[in-house]
Structure formats: C-alpha cells, structure tokens
C-alpha cells in the first residue's frame, strides 16, 4: 500500500522497536491474545474512536501540540513519529498490541484546529483492514453558506461506500453551534440513512477550538435529539472539560441518555493519564452511568492513537474502572463491543476474543 507520508526515520523506528510502540512486533513471544481478560474469560473489544490523518493538513500549532506528547527517545524525532502514528498499518499495530479486534476511523474537516482527515483518506485506510476497520465520514462546514448542498451530497455519497458506518462532527473544532438549525440537515441525513452520528462534546485542548457552551455543552444538542428521533446521537467524551480536567457535561449526558432512546455515550480521552492522572474521573463516570442503568448506551472508544501505547493503556484504564465500579461480565461485554455491534449493525466474529 502506498505510504502517504514516506517512510518513518530510522530513529523513530528504532525507538518504536525499543518501546514496543508505533508498530506491533513479534519478538518471539507470539501475538497478544484478542480481547481483554474478565475473570478468566476474554471479552471482545471494538475501539470506535481512532484518528488516521495527513500530517500535511494539520495546522502548525496542532503539529507542535501532538509532537509534544511523544516520550523520550521518540520525542527526539517527534514529527516523524507523529506522522507514522497516523498510518493505517500503525493503527492496526496499536489495536493488535492491545488485543482489540475492530476500530472506527474518523474523518474530520477542521482546517483551523485539528486539521483535515478526508473521507477519501479514510476510504483508502479502510482497504488496509476491511474486516476490522469501520469508517465515520465527515464534511466541511466552514463554507456552509455557499457549499452546503454540495457538502451534504458528498457526505451522502461517502456513506454509500463500503465500510462507512456513521458520521463524525466536532462542533468545537469545526466552529458551528450545536443548536444552529442551518446545520440540522446533517442530523437529517443520519436519520434517513440509518448512520449513527458521533459528536465531540466538551472543551478541547487543541489550539483554535471554540470553547463556548454552544459549541461544547451537550445540552445544546437537545433540540436536534428531539427533532431527529430516528438519528442515533453518540455524545463523545461525556462533555468533559479538558481544560480544567473535570466533569462538566456528565450530568447532562446521563440525563439525555435516560430521557431519549436515541442517545448513546462514549467516555474516550477523559480518562487518560494526562487528563485524569489519578483515574478518579473515569471511575466516577463509569460508576454513575452504571448506577443510572444505561450500560446498554455506552460505546467504548479511546481517541487514539495520540502517543505510542495510548490505545492499550486507555483500554486497561477503562477495564480497571469498570471492575472497580461493579460492572458485571455482561455489562462489560456490552460496553466493550456488543453495543457498538448493535448500534452500527456490525457483526463481531467469534475470533474477536480468543
């Protein structure tokens, strides 16, 4: 397969080998088993939230932010390592190392914040592992006044392509209000085509993000949730405040999920070592969702690959949080894979956990 970024530098490859990062390497111990151990039984895992990308379409400030997250010695050549981490073969290596069977790959058009990972790029990446990668398409909204109809048509066309199972938007990164009816046709497409909609909620650490409540607070989605009952809304990050490293929208997310049958929750990134050093916030979120009786609405995602080992580490932190907050085997299995299969209409094979 053609590499969009060229080959990773020798230093980055050597660092990856030394740390077991960037690529999954067989060093004589055999490949890690699929799934996670739950009291002696292996449970299948789908990480619905992973980011491929094109380094050339990431803004300079965001490049520096991403590169700063790579540890020594990879940080000595952080740009090459960051480029390599976005490649489909690297993403596949990360999920293999974590024992994860399937992964959702997100397209995004946010040229002023996190950059552009086009639908075409994701479509190409899906061919790398068509039985394990699932695409979520996106669209441009920064030229909405003139290009709305064309963008909506492109979105519908992309959703008809093999492997695309849903839609991804990020109001804070794409700079459009959650409650602006001018953008409701996006939700209408989700409903009419039966393609679930993933939405970033909460603040964001990326440069240039819109941090005001209308772009971050999931309460501003309620009108659309009510109006488009046929659309499935997945509230990513649970409205977490990544600036202050605290829960801000958790109450709202739980209320929306309990009130509306078309609302689902995804606790990615908020429980990372950098955003939740003690792990207390992730445990609180997992506990409160379980106590609310909505474990059938939680979909697992990490928001990786971020930095080497992040995908595996986030899964381990999530499993620990579930075990320490009383999740049953059935509830854990639902969160880790079964809810994704049900919401997106995907079949998870028996070999996903072995």
Protein backbone atom coordinates (compact mmCIF):
# COMPACT_ATOMS: atom_id res chain seq x y z
CA UNK A 1 0.00 0.00 0.00
CA UNK A 2 1.24 3.48 -0.80
CA UNK A 3 2.52 5.42 2.19
CA UNK A 4 1.18 8.97 2.21
CA UNK A 5 3.95 10.31 4.43
CA UNK A 6 7.01 8.46 3.22
CA UNK A 7 8.95 6.09 5.44
CA UNK A 8 9.48 6.74 9.10
CA UNK A 9 13.03 7.76 10.01
CA UNK A 10 15.47 5.17 11.40
CA UNK A 11 15.44 6.91 14.78
CA UNK A 12 11.67 6.71 15.08
CA UNK A 13 11.66 3.08 14.01
CA UNK A 14 14.40 2.21 16.48
CA UNK A 15 12.51 3.99 19.24
CA UNK A 16 9.33 2.19 18.31
CA UNK A 17 11.13 -1.14 18.48
CA UNK A 18 12.63 -0.32 21.84
CA UNK A 19 9.34 0.78 23.39
CA UNK A 20 7.01 -1.63 21.59
CA UNK A 21 5.19 1.35 20.04
CA UNK A 22 4.11 2.57 16.60
CA UNK A 23 4.08 -0.95 15.17
CA UNK A 24 3.22 -4.30 16.70
CA UNK A 25 6.28 -6.50 16.53
CA UNK A 26 6.52 -10.25 17.10
CA UNK A 27 9.68 -10.73 19.17
CA UNK A 28 9.29 -14.43 19.80
CA UNK A 29 6.55 -14.32 22.44
CA UNK A 30 3.67 -14.63 19.99
CA UNK A 31 0.93 -12.11 19.18
CA UNK A 32 -1.14 -10.87 22.15
CA UNK A 33 -4.46 -12.68 22.58
CA UNK A 34 -7.59 -10.97 21.28
CA UNK A 35 -9.92 -9.37 23.79
CA UNK A 36 -9.46 -8.45 27.45
CA UNK A 37 -9.42 -10.77 30.42
CA UNK A 38 -12.50 -10.54 32.62
CA UNK A 39 -12.24 -13.00 35.49
CA UNK A 40 -10.75 -15.66 33.25
CA UNK A 41 -12.96 -15.03 30.23
CA UNK A 42 -11.88 -13.00 27.22
CA UNK A 43 -14.24 -10.25 26.06
CA UNK A 44 -14.12 -8.79 22.54
CA UNK A 45 -13.25 -5.11 22.12
CA UNK A 46 -14.05 -2.51 19.47
CA UNK A 47 -12.35 0.87 19.84
CA UNK A 48 -14.77 3.09 17.96
CA UNK A 49 -12.64 6.24 18.14
CA UNK A 50 -9.31 6.35 16.32
CA UNK A 51 -7.80 9.06 14.14
CA UNK A 52 -5.89 8.48 10.93
CA UNK A 53 -4.62 11.59 9.23
CA UNK A 54 -2.50 13.55 6.83
CA UNK A 55 0.30 15.43 8.60
CA UNK A 56 0.47 17.96 5.78
CA UNK A 57 -3.11 19.03 6.57
CA UNK A 58 -2.57 19.57 10.31
CA UNK A 59 -2.11 23.22 11.40
CA UNK A 60 1.36 24.12 12.66
CA UNK A 61 0.25 24.81 16.25
CA UNK A 62 -1.53 21.48 16.38
CA UNK A 63 1.53 19.68 14.99
CA UNK A 64 3.59 21.06 17.86
CA UNK A 65 0.90 20.02 20.35
CA UNK A 66 0.76 16.47 19.01
CA UNK A 67 4.54 16.10 18.77
CA UNK A 68 4.94 17.27 22.38
CA UNK A 69 3.07 14.18 23.59
CA UNK A 70 5.71 11.69 22.42
CA UNK A 71 8.05 10.41 25.15
CA UNK A 72 11.84 10.12 25.02
CA UNK A 73 13.51 8.84 22.88
CA UNK A 74 10.71 9.02 20.31
CA UNK A 75 10.39 12.72 21.09
CA UNK A 76 13.82 13.29 19.58
CA UNK A 77 12.18 12.85 16.19
CA UNK A 78 8.61 13.58 17.23
CA UNK A 79 7.37 14.85 13.87
CA UNK A 80 8.34 11.65 12.06
CA UNK A 81 6.85 9.58 14.89
CA UNK A 82 3.61 11.58 14.78
CA UNK A 83 3.39 11.13 11.03
CA UNK A 84 3.92 7.40 11.37
CA UNK A 85 1.30 7.02 14.10
CA UNK A 86 -1.41 8.21 11.70
CA UNK A 87 -0.78 5.47 9.15
CA UNK A 88 -3.27 2.57 8.94
CA UNK A 89 -0.57 -0.01 9.50
CA UNK A 90 0.46 1.76 12.69
CA UNK A 91 -3.15 1.96 13.91
CA UNK A 92 -3.59 -1.73 13.18
CA UNK A 93 -0.40 -2.44 15.13
CA UNK A 94 -1.68 -0.43 18.09
CA UNK A 95 -5.00 -2.26 18.29
CA UNK A 96 -3.31 -5.63 17.79
CA UNK A 97 -0.98 -4.87 20.68
CA UNK A 98 -4.00 -4.02 22.84
CA UNK A 99 -5.93 -7.15 21.85
CA UNK A 100 -8.61 -5.05 20.16
CA UNK A 101 -10.48 -6.60 17.25
CA UNK A 102 -12.09 -3.63 15.46
CA UNK A 103 -11.59 0.11 15.14
CA UNK A 104 -13.58 3.11 13.98
CA UNK A 105 -11.55 5.53 11.85
CA UNK A 106 -12.74 9.14 11.90
CA UNK A 107 -12.70 11.58 9.03
CA UNK A 108 -12.75 15.26 10.03
CA UNK A 109 -12.66 18.62 8.28
CA UNK A 110 -11.39 21.18 10.79
CA UNK A 111 -8.65 23.10 8.95
CA UNK A 112 -8.20 25.72 11.70
CA UNK A 113 -7.90 23.34 14.66
CA UNK A 114 -7.18 19.61 14.36
CA UNK A 115 -6.72 19.60 10.59
CA UNK A 116 -8.21 17.51 7.81
CA UNK A 117 -8.52 13.75 7.54
CA UNK A 118 -10.60 13.50 4.41
CA UNK A 119 -13.27 10.97 3.57
CA UNK A 120 -11.03 9.83 0.71
CA UNK A 121 -8.12 9.23 3.09
CA UNK A 122 -10.33 7.17 5.42
CA UNK A 123 -11.74 5.22 2.46
CA UNK A 124 -8.16 4.33 1.47
CA UNK A 125 -7.31 3.30 5.02
CA UNK A 126 -10.37 1.07 5.26
CA UNK A 127 -8.97 -1.10 2.49
CA UNK A 128 -5.95 -1.88 4.66
CA UNK A 129 -8.08 -3.98 7.04
CA UNK A 130 -11.61 -4.07 5.61
CA UNK A 131 -12.79 -6.73 8.04
CA UNK A 132 -11.66 -4.74 11.11
CA UNK A 133 -11.77 -1.03 10.20
CA UNK A 134 -15.02 0.96 10.10
CA UNK A 135 -15.25 4.49 8.72
CA UNK A 136 -17.08 7.52 10.05
CA UNK A 137 -17.45 10.17 7.37
CA UNK A 138 -17.46 13.94 7.85
CA UNK A 139 -17.95 17.13 5.86
CA UNK A 140 -16.76 20.72 5.62
CA UNK A 141 -18.89 23.39 7.29
CA UNK A 142 -16.60 26.41 7.04
CA UNK A 143 -18.11 27.40 3.66
CA UNK A 144 -21.66 26.43 4.57
CA UNK A 145 -23.40 29.43 3.00
CA UNK A 146 -22.15 28.58 -0.48
CA UNK A 147 -21.25 24.89 -0.30
CA UNK A 148 -23.93 23.38 1.94
CA UNK A 149 -25.78 21.35 -0.70
CA UNK A 150 -22.57 20.09 -2.29
CA UNK A 151 -21.14 19.07 1.10
CA UNK A 152 -24.33 17.24 2.06
CA UNK A 153 -24.32 15.42 -1.27
CA UNK A 154 -20.68 14.40 -0.76
CA UNK A 155 -21.49 13.15 2.71
CA UNK A 156 -24.36 11.01 1.42
CA UNK A 157 -22.19 9.68 -1.38
CA UNK A 158 -19.40 8.74 1.05
CA UNK A 159 -21.83 6.97 3.36
CA UNK A 160 -22.82 4.72 0.47
CA UNK A 161 -19.24 3.47 0.09
CA UNK A 162 -18.08 0.15 1.58
CA UNK A 163 -17.01 0.29 5.20
CA UNK A 164 -18.59 3.63 6.17
CA UNK A 165 -20.94 3.07 9.10
CA UNK A 166 -21.50 6.54 10.56
CA UNK A 167 -20.89 10.29 10.68
CA UNK A 168 -18.40 12.31 12.73
CA UNK A 169 -18.72 16.02 13.57
CA UNK A 170 -16.99 18.19 16.16
CA UNK A 171 -18.74 21.50 16.71
CA UNK A 172 -15.93 22.91 18.85
CA UNK A 173 -13.27 22.05 16.28
CA UNK A 174 -15.38 22.93 13.24
CA UNK A 175 -16.76 26.15 14.74
CA UNK A 176 -20.52 25.68 14.41
CA UNK A 177 -23.13 25.78 17.14
CA UNK A 178 -24.81 22.59 18.29
CA UNK A 179 -28.24 24.22 18.16
CA UNK A 180 -27.94 26.07 14.85
CA UNK A 181 -30.80 24.81 12.62
CA UNK A 182 -28.82 25.69 9.50
CA UNK A 183 -26.79 22.51 10.17
CA UNK A 184 -29.72 20.26 11.06
CA UNK A 185 -29.65 18.65 7.57
CA UNK A 186 -26.59 16.74 8.84
CA UNK A 187 -28.74 15.13 11.53
CA UNK A 188 -31.46 14.51 8.95
CA UNK A 189 -29.01 12.52 6.81
CA UNK A 190 -28.08 10.47 9.87
CA UNK A 191 -31.73 9.64 10.44
CA UNK A 192 -32.68 8.97 6.83
CA UNK A 193 -29.69 6.75 6.06
CA UNK A 194 -29.57 5.00 9.42
CA UNK A 195 -25.98 6.08 10.03
CA UNK A 196 -25.21 6.89 13.71
CA UNK A 197 -23.72 10.30 14.42
CA UNK A 198 -20.67 10.78 16.66
CA UNK A 199 -20.35 14.26 18.18
CA UNK A 200 -17.45 15.71 20.13
CA UNK A 201 -18.81 17.25 23.33
CA UNK A 202 -16.87 19.20 25.95
CA UNK A 203 -13.94 21.58 25.68
CA UNK A 204 -10.76 20.66 23.83
CA UNK A 205 -7.04 21.26 24.41
CA UNK A 206 -6.33 21.82 20.70
CA UNK A 207 -5.34 25.33 19.57
CA UNK A 208 -8.10 27.38 17.94
CA UNK A 209 -11.02 25.45 19.44
CA UNK A 210 -14.35 27.18 20.17
CA UNK A 211 -14.77 26.69 23.91
CA UNK A 212 -18.11 28.46 24.48
CA UNK A 213 -21.07 26.40 25.79
CA UNK A 214 -22.99 26.43 22.49
CA UNK A 215 -20.08 24.52 20.91
CA UNK A 216 -19.26 22.22 23.84
CA UNK A 217 -22.23 21.72 26.17
CA UNK A 218 -24.33 18.68 25.15
CA UNK A 219 -27.46 20.44 26.44
CA UNK A 220 -27.39 22.47 23.22
CA UNK A 221 -27.98 19.24 21.26
CA UNK A 222 -31.32 18.51 22.90
CA UNK A 223 -33.45 20.23 20.27
CA UNK A 224 -31.84 18.21 17.49
CA UNK A 225 -32.10 15.00 19.53
CA UNK A 226 -35.83 15.62 19.94
CA UNK A 227 -36.42 16.64 16.35
CA UNK A 228 -34.47 13.78 14.76
CA UNK A 229 -35.57 10.82 16.83
CA UNK A 230 -34.51 8.48 14.02
CA UNK A 231 -30.90 9.57 14.31
CA UNK A 232 -28.58 7.96 16.86
CA UNK A 233 -26.53 10.59 18.69
CA UNK A 234 -23.29 9.38 20.29
CA UNK A 235 -22.05 12.01 22.77
CA UNK A 236 -18.28 11.71 22.74
CA UNK A 237 -16.15 12.50 25.81
CA UNK A 238 -19.25 12.90 28.02
CA UNK A 239 -18.97 16.68 27.79
CA UNK A 240 -15.65 16.59 29.68
CA UNK A 241 -13.77 19.81 30.37
CA UNK A 242 -10.28 19.02 29.09
CA UNK A 243 -9.04 22.48 30.06
CA UNK A 244 -9.85 22.12 33.77
CA UNK A 245 -9.67 18.30 33.78
CA UNK A 246 -13.08 17.87 35.38
CA UNK A 247 -16.56 16.62 34.62
CA UNK A 248 -18.71 19.39 33.18
CA UNK A 249 -21.33 17.71 30.99
CA UNK A 250 -21.63 14.30 32.65
CA UNK A 251 -24.95 15.10 34.36
CA UNK A 252 -26.38 16.35 31.09
CA UNK A 253 -25.17 13.33 29.12
CA UNK A 254 -26.70 10.91 31.60
CA UNK A 255 -29.97 12.84 31.62
CA UNK A 256 -30.16 12.87 27.83
CA UNK A 257 -29.43 9.13 27.63
CA UNK A 258 -32.11 8.34 30.21
CA UNK A 259 -34.65 10.62 28.51
CA UNK A 260 -34.09 9.77 24.84
CA UNK A 261 -33.70 6.30 23.38
CA UNK A 262 -31.55 7.65 20.51
CA UNK A 263 -28.74 8.95 22.75
CA UNK A 264 -25.55 6.99 23.41
CA UNK A 265 -22.44 7.86 25.41
CA UNK A 266 -18.72 7.41 24.78
CA UNK A 267 -16.13 8.12 27.51
CA UNK A 268 -12.99 8.49 25.39
CA UNK A 269 -9.87 10.52 26.27
CA UNK A 270 -11.23 11.90 29.56
CA UNK A 271 -9.65 9.03 31.50
CA UNK A 272 -6.17 9.35 30.03
CA UNK A 273 -3.11 9.75 32.23
CA UNK A 274 -2.78 13.39 31.15
CA UNK A 275 -6.47 14.33 31.56
CA UNK A 276 -7.20 12.19 34.63
CA UNK A 277 -3.90 11.41 36.40
CA UNK A 278 -5.43 9.51 39.33
CA UNK A 279 -8.10 7.73 37.30
CA UNK A 280 -10.79 9.10 39.61
CA UNK A 281 -12.75 10.94 36.94
CA UNK A 282 -13.04 7.92 34.65
CA UNK A 283 -14.15 5.75 37.58
CA UNK A 284 -16.75 8.34 38.55
CA UNK A 285 -18.11 8.44 35.00
CA UNK A 286 -18.30 4.65 34.69
CA UNK A 287 -19.88 4.32 38.14
CA UNK A 288 -22.51 6.98 37.57
CA UNK A 289 -23.52 5.64 34.15
CA UNK A 290 -23.93 2.16 35.62
CA UNK A 291 -25.94 3.47 38.57
CA UNK A 292 -28.17 5.31 36.07
CA UNK A 293 -28.94 1.99 34.39
CA UNK A 294 -27.59 2.96 30.98
CA UNK A 295 -24.76 0.50 30.40
CA UNK A 296 -26.60 -0.51 27.22
CA UNK A 297 -25.90 3.02 25.91
CA UNK A 298 -22.12 3.14 26.43
CA UNK A 299 -19.75 2.57 23.49
CA UNK A 300 -16.04 2.14 24.12
CA UNK A 301 -13.55 4.48 22.44
CA UNK A 302 -10.07 5.73 23.26
CA UNK A 303 -9.48 8.76 20.97
CA UNK A 304 -6.15 7.29 19.91
CA UNK A 305 -3.61 6.74 18.66
CA UNK A 306 -2.28 10.00 20.24
CA UNK A 307 1.07 8.68 21.52
CA UNK A 308 2.69 5.22 21.44
CA UNK A 309 0.90 2.78 23.74
CA UNK A 310 -2.03 5.10 24.35
CA UNK A 311 -4.61 2.73 22.81
CA UNK A 312 -3.58 -0.19 25.01
CA UNK A 313 -3.20 1.97 28.10
CA UNK A 314 -6.61 3.55 27.75
CA UNK A 315 -8.27 0.18 27.42
CA UNK A 316 -6.51 -1.04 30.56
CA UNK A 317 -7.62 2.06 32.49
CA UNK A 318 -11.20 1.61 31.32
CA UNK A 319 -11.34 -2.08 32.25
CA UNK A 320 -9.91 -1.23 35.69
CA UNK A 321 -12.53 1.49 36.15
CA UNK A 322 -15.34 -0.93 35.25
CA UNK A 323 -14.07 -3.66 37.56
CA UNK A 324 -13.69 -1.24 40.45
CA UNK A 325 -17.18 0.18 39.98
CA UNK A 326 -19.03 -3.14 39.93
CA UNK A 327 -19.65 -3.88 36.25
CA UNK A 328 -20.82 -7.41 35.57
CA UNK A 329 -19.34 -9.50 32.78
CA UNK A 330 -22.43 -8.86 30.65
CA UNK A 331 -22.25 -5.10 31.22
CA UNK A 332 -18.54 -5.03 30.40
CA UNK A 333 -19.10 -7.08 27.24
CA UNK A 334 -21.82 -4.66 26.16
CA UNK A 335 -19.64 -1.60 26.68
CA UNK A 336 -16.54 -3.05 25.04
CA UNK A 337 -18.11 -4.39 21.84
CA UNK A 338 -21.74 -5.51 21.86
CA UNK A 339 -23.25 -2.02 22.00
CA UNK A 340 -21.13 -0.96 19.03
CA UNK A 341 -22.29 -4.00 17.08
CA UNK A 342 -25.93 -3.24 17.87
CA UNK A 343 -25.79 0.49 17.20
CA UNK A 344 -23.82 0.24 13.95
CA UNK A 345 -25.25 -3.05 12.70
CA UNK A 346 -21.86 -4.78 12.70
CA UNK A 347 -21.29 -8.49 13.28
CA UNK A 348 -18.47 -9.31 15.71
CA UNK A 349 -16.88 -12.70 14.86
CA UNK A 350 -16.08 -15.33 17.45
CA UNK A 351 -12.36 -14.86 16.89
CA UNK A 352 -12.62 -11.27 18.18
CA UNK A 353 -11.89 -12.73 21.62
CA UNK A 354 -9.56 -15.72 21.85
